[in-house]
Amino acid sequence: MTKLGAGILACVLSAPLVAQWLNYPTAGIPRTKDGKPNLSAPAPKTMDGKPDFSGLWEPALGEATAPVAGAAQLPSEFTNIAVRLKDGLPYQPWARDLRNARQADNGKYNPDGRCLPLGMVRMHSHPF
């Protein structure tokens, strides 16, 4: 292969791929009459009629209330998911004891503080 052919091949292979399908309509999304996603549509339901909360969730940064690590702003539910629940979370006794013990020692064995891999839920809710 000549130098020119190798250069052309390198340019073609390094060109950005159009793999995001920005204009491809996702099936199952409720749409308005003009074809845009209907953001006020009711939540999808599971087979038993309950709301379907599957998928990836991230903090809504528009509702930020507490600064974390400088410029990052996160909702108060980030550190306490039950902050707006009147009676708190309905823990079983053993789980409540474990939570209280972990809170008392300031998360001493938290994987994040020990530079260990995080679990899937923590990875999707971690500010960094």
C-alpha atoms as a PDB file:
ATOM      1  CA  MET A   1       0.000   0.000   0.000  1.00  0.00           C
ATOM      2  CA  THR A   2       1.293   3.424  -0.862  1.00  0.00           C
ATOM      3  CA  LYS A   3       1.666   6.284   1.574  1.00  0.00           C
ATOM      4  CA  LEU A   4      -1.232   8.095  -0.095  1.00  0.00           C
ATOM      5  CA  GLY A   5      -3.459   5.021   0.188  1.00  0.00           C
ATOM      6  CA  ALA A   6      -2.525   4.581   3.862  1.00  0.00           C
ATOM      7  CA  GLY A   7      -3.288   8.253   4.509  1.00  0.00           C
ATOM      8  CA  ILE A   8      -6.676   8.038   2.831  1.00  0.00           C
ATOM      9  CA  LEU A   9      -7.473   4.834   4.745  1.00  0.00           C
ATOM     10  CA  ALA A  10      -6.487   6.499   8.042  1.00  0.00           C
ATOM     11  CA  CYS A  11      -8.743   9.492   7.294  1.00  0.00           C
ATOM     12  CA  VAL A  12     -11.698   7.297   6.376  1.00  0.00           C
ATOM     13  CA  LEU A  13     -11.336   5.088   9.461  1.00  0.00           C
ATOM     14  CA  SER A  14     -10.958   8.045  11.803  1.00  0.00           C
ATOM     15  CA  ALA A  15     -14.020   9.902  10.481  1.00  0.00           C
ATOM     16  CA  PRO A  16     -16.754  10.256  13.090  1.00  0.00           C
ATOM     17  CA  LEU A  17     -19.425   7.636  12.812  1.00  0.00           C
ATOM     18  CA  VAL A  18     -23.056   8.608  12.749  1.00  0.00           C
ATOM     19  CA  ALA A  19     -24.115   6.025  15.324  1.00  0.00           C
ATOM     20  CA  GLN A  20     -26.145   8.134  17.709  1.00  0.00           C
ATOM     21  CA  TRP A  21     -29.292   8.202  15.570  1.00  0.00           C
ATOM     22  CA  LEU A  22     -30.374  11.603  16.855  1.00  0.00           C
ATOM     23  CA  ASN A  23     -33.310  11.790  14.455  1.00  0.00           C
ATOM     24  CA  TYR A  24     -34.360   8.154  14.814  1.00  0.00           C
ATOM     25  CA  PRO A  25     -37.668   7.904  16.743  1.00  0.00           C
ATOM     26  CA  THR A  26     -37.489   5.631  19.766  1.00  0.00           C
ATOM     27  CA  ALA A  27     -40.378   3.171  19.863  1.00  0.00           C
ATOM     28  CA  GLY A  28     -42.842   3.454  22.732  1.00  0.00           C
ATOM     29  CA  ILE A  29     -42.298   7.141  23.542  1.00  0.00           C
ATOM     30  CA  PRO A  30     -45.606   9.028  23.627  1.00  0.00           C
ATOM     31  CA  ARG A  31     -45.563  11.886  21.151  1.00  0.00           C
ATOM     32  CA  THR A  32     -47.529  15.064  20.566  1.00  0.00           C
ATOM     33  CA  LYS A  33     -49.341  15.768  17.283  1.00  0.00           C
ATOM     34  CA  ASP A  34     -46.253  17.473  15.871  1.00  0.00           C
ATOM     35  CA  GLY A  35     -44.104  14.384  16.572  1.00  0.00           C
ATOM     36  CA  LYS A  36     -42.135  15.713  19.530  1.00  0.00           C
ATOM     37  CA  PRO A  37     -41.891  13.608  22.735  1.00  0.00           C
ATOM     38  CA  ASN A  38     -44.797  14.284  25.097  1.00  0.00           C
ATOM     39  CA  LEU A  39     -43.036  15.137  28.364  1.00  0.00           C
ATOM     40  CA  SER A  40     -46.324  15.465  30.249  1.00  0.00           C
ATOM     41  CA  ALA A  41     -47.536  11.975  29.318  1.00  0.00           C
ATOM     42  CA  PRO A  42     -48.205   9.513  32.155  1.00  0.00           C
ATOM     43  CA  ALA A  43     -45.365   7.199  33.196  1.00  0.00           C
ATOM     44  CA  PRO A  44     -45.294   3.794  31.486  1.00  0.00           C
ATOM     45  CA  LYS A  45     -46.757   0.904  33.491  1.00  0.00           C
ATOM     46  CA  THR A  46     -45.447  -2.584  34.235  1.00  0.00           C
ATOM     47  CA  MET A  47     -47.579  -5.688  33.651  1.00  0.00           C
ATOM     48  CA  ASP A  48     -49.133  -5.349  37.116  1.00  0.00           C
ATOM     49  CA  GLY A  49     -50.126  -1.700  36.545  1.00  0.00           C
ATOM     50  CA  LYS A  50     -47.430  -0.078  38.682  1.00  0.00           C
ATOM     51  CA  PRO A  51     -45.161   2.685  37.292  1.00  0.00           C
ATOM     52  CA  ASP A  52     -42.168   1.346  35.370  1.00  0.00           C
ATOM     53  CA  PHE A  53     -39.028   2.867  36.895  1.00  0.00           C
ATOM     54  CA  SER A  54     -36.539   0.726  34.973  1.00  0.00           C
ATOM     55  CA  GLY A  55     -33.626   2.413  33.266  1.00  0.00           C
ATOM     56  CA  LEU A  56     -30.786   4.684  34.322  1.00  0.00           C
ATOM     57  CA  TRP A  57     -31.480   7.469  36.773  1.00  0.00           C
ATOM     58  CA  GLU A  58     -29.376  10.526  37.441  1.00  0.00           C
ATOM     59  CA  PRO A  59     -29.883  13.413  39.848  1.00  0.00           C
ATOM     60  CA  ALA A  60     -31.955  16.272  38.460  1.00  0.00           C
ATOM     61  CA  LEU A  61     -29.433  19.087  38.586  1.00  0.00           C
ATOM     62  CA  GLY A  62     -32.140  21.691  38.003  1.00  0.00           C
ATOM     63  CA  GLU A  63     -33.404  21.037  41.550  1.00  0.00           C
ATOM     64  CA  ALA A  64     -29.989  21.450  43.147  1.00  0.00           C
ATOM     65  CA  THR A  65     -30.039  22.389  46.793  1.00  0.00           C
ATOM     66  CA  ALA A  66     -26.700  21.384  48.290  1.00  0.00           C
ATOM     67  CA  PRO A  67     -23.223  22.114  46.907  1.00  0.00           C
ATOM     68  CA  VAL A  68     -20.935  19.104  46.676  1.00  0.00           C
ATOM     69  CA  ALA A  69     -17.220  19.286  45.892  1.00  0.00           C
ATOM     70  CA  GLY A  70     -17.050  22.821  44.594  1.00  0.00           C
ATOM     71  CA  ALA A  71     -19.202  23.514  41.565  1.00  0.00           C
ATOM     72  CA  ALA A  72     -21.274  20.315  41.549  1.00  0.00           C
ATOM     73  CA  GLN A  73     -24.846  20.861  42.734  1.00  0.00           C
ATOM     74  CA  LEU A  74     -27.033  17.903  43.683  1.00  0.00           C
ATOM     75  CA  PRO A  75     -30.542  17.510  45.041  1.00  0.00           C
ATOM     76  CA  SER A  76     -30.911  16.796  48.740  1.00  0.00           C
ATOM     77  CA  GLU A  77     -32.149  13.252  47.924  1.00  0.00           C
ATOM     78  CA  PHE A  78     -28.627  12.458  46.727  1.00  0.00           C
ATOM     79  CA  THR A  79     -27.364  12.112  50.278  1.00  0.00           C
ATOM     80  CA  ASN A  80     -30.678  11.162  51.902  1.00  0.00           C
ATOM     81  CA  ILE A  81     -33.267   9.554  49.633  1.00  0.00           C
ATOM     82  CA  ALA A  82     -35.925   9.896  52.347  1.00  0.00           C
ATOM     83  CA  VAL A  83     -35.383  13.596  53.060  1.00  0.00           C
ATOM     84  CA  ARG A  84     -38.912  14.473  51.932  1.00  0.00           C
ATOM     85  CA  LEU A  85     -40.644  11.425  53.442  1.00  0.00           C
ATOM     86  CA  LYS A  86     -42.559  12.297  56.595  1.00  0.00           C
ATOM     87  CA  ASP A  87     -41.790   9.035  58.464  1.00  0.00           C
ATOM     88  CA  GLY A  88     -38.521   8.156  56.690  1.00  0.00           C
ATOM     89  CA  LEU A  89     -37.875   4.872  54.935  1.00  0.00           C
ATOM     90  CA  PRO A  90     -39.707   1.756  56.176  1.00  0.00           C
ATOM     91  CA  TYR A  91     -36.622  -0.176  57.303  1.00  0.00           C
ATOM     92  CA  GLN A  92     -36.743  -3.621  58.834  1.00  0.00           C
ATOM     93  CA  PRO A  93     -35.223  -3.539  62.340  1.00  0.00           C
ATOM     94  CA  TRP A  94     -31.920  -5.147  61.313  1.00  0.00           C
ATOM     95  CA  ALA A  95     -31.571  -2.776  58.349  1.00  0.00           C
ATOM     96  CA  ARG A  96     -32.307   0.278  60.522  1.00  0.00           C
ATOM     97  CA  ASP A  97     -29.624  -0.833  63.001  1.00  0.00           C
ATOM     98  CA  LEU A  98     -27.107  -1.339  60.182  1.00  0.00           C
ATOM     99  CA  ARG A  99     -27.900   2.072  58.673  1.00  0.00           C
ATOM    100  CA  ASN A 100     -27.559   3.801  62.043  1.00  0.00           C
ATOM    101  CA  ALA A 101     -24.231   2.063  62.710  1.00  0.00           C
ATOM    102  CA  ARG A 102     -22.873   3.088  59.290  1.00  0.00           C
ATOM    103  CA  GLN A 103     -24.046   6.640  59.766  1.00  0.00           C
ATOM    104  CA  ALA A 104     -22.489   6.785  63.244  1.00  0.00           C
ATOM    105  CA  ASP A 105     -19.036   5.839  61.888  1.00  0.00           C
ATOM    106  CA  ASN A 106     -19.362   8.312  58.967  1.00  0.00           C
ATOM    107  CA  GLY A 107     -19.246   5.626  56.280  1.00  0.00           C
ATOM    108  CA  LYS A 108     -15.889   4.267  57.469  1.00  0.00           C
ATOM    109  CA  TYR A 109     -16.138   1.236  55.160  1.00  0.00           C
ATOM    110  CA  ASN A 110     -17.668   3.043  52.185  1.00  0.00           C
ATOM    111  CA  PRO A 111     -15.926   1.767  49.012  1.00  0.00           C
ATOM    112  CA  ASP A 112     -15.747   5.308  47.628  1.00  0.00           C
ATOM    113  CA  GLY A 113     -13.699   6.546  50.573  1.00  0.00           C
ATOM    114  CA  ARG A 114     -11.314   3.608  50.273  1.00  0.00           C
ATOM    115  CA  CYS A 115     -10.722   3.955  46.507  1.00  0.00           C
ATOM    116  CA  LEU A 116     -12.474   0.657  45.799  1.00  0.00           C
ATOM    117  CA  PRO A 117     -14.855  -0.032  42.897  1.00  0.00           C
ATOM    118  CA  LEU A 118     -18.370   1.304  43.420  1.00  0.00           C
ATOM    119  CA  GLY A 119     -21.576  -0.648  42.918  1.00  0.00           C
ATOM    120  CA  MET A 120     -23.831   0.021  39.927  1.00  0.00           C
ATOM    121  CA  VAL A 121     -26.300   2.239  41.792  1.00  0.00           C
ATOM    122  CA  ARG A 122     -23.518   4.322  43.334  1.00  0.00           C
ATOM    123  CA  MET A 123     -21.738   4.658  39.978  1.00  0.00           C
ATOM    124  CA  HIS A 124     -24.846   6.168  38.398  1.00  0.00           C
ATOM    125  CA  SER A 125     -25.422   8.577  41.282  1.00  0.00           C
ATOM    126  CA  HIS A 126     -21.819   9.577  41.951  1.00  0.00           C
ATOM    127  CA  PRO A 127     -21.040  13.225  41.133  1.00  0.00           C
ATOM    128  CA  PHE A 128     -17.732  12.386  39.478  1.00  0.00           C
END
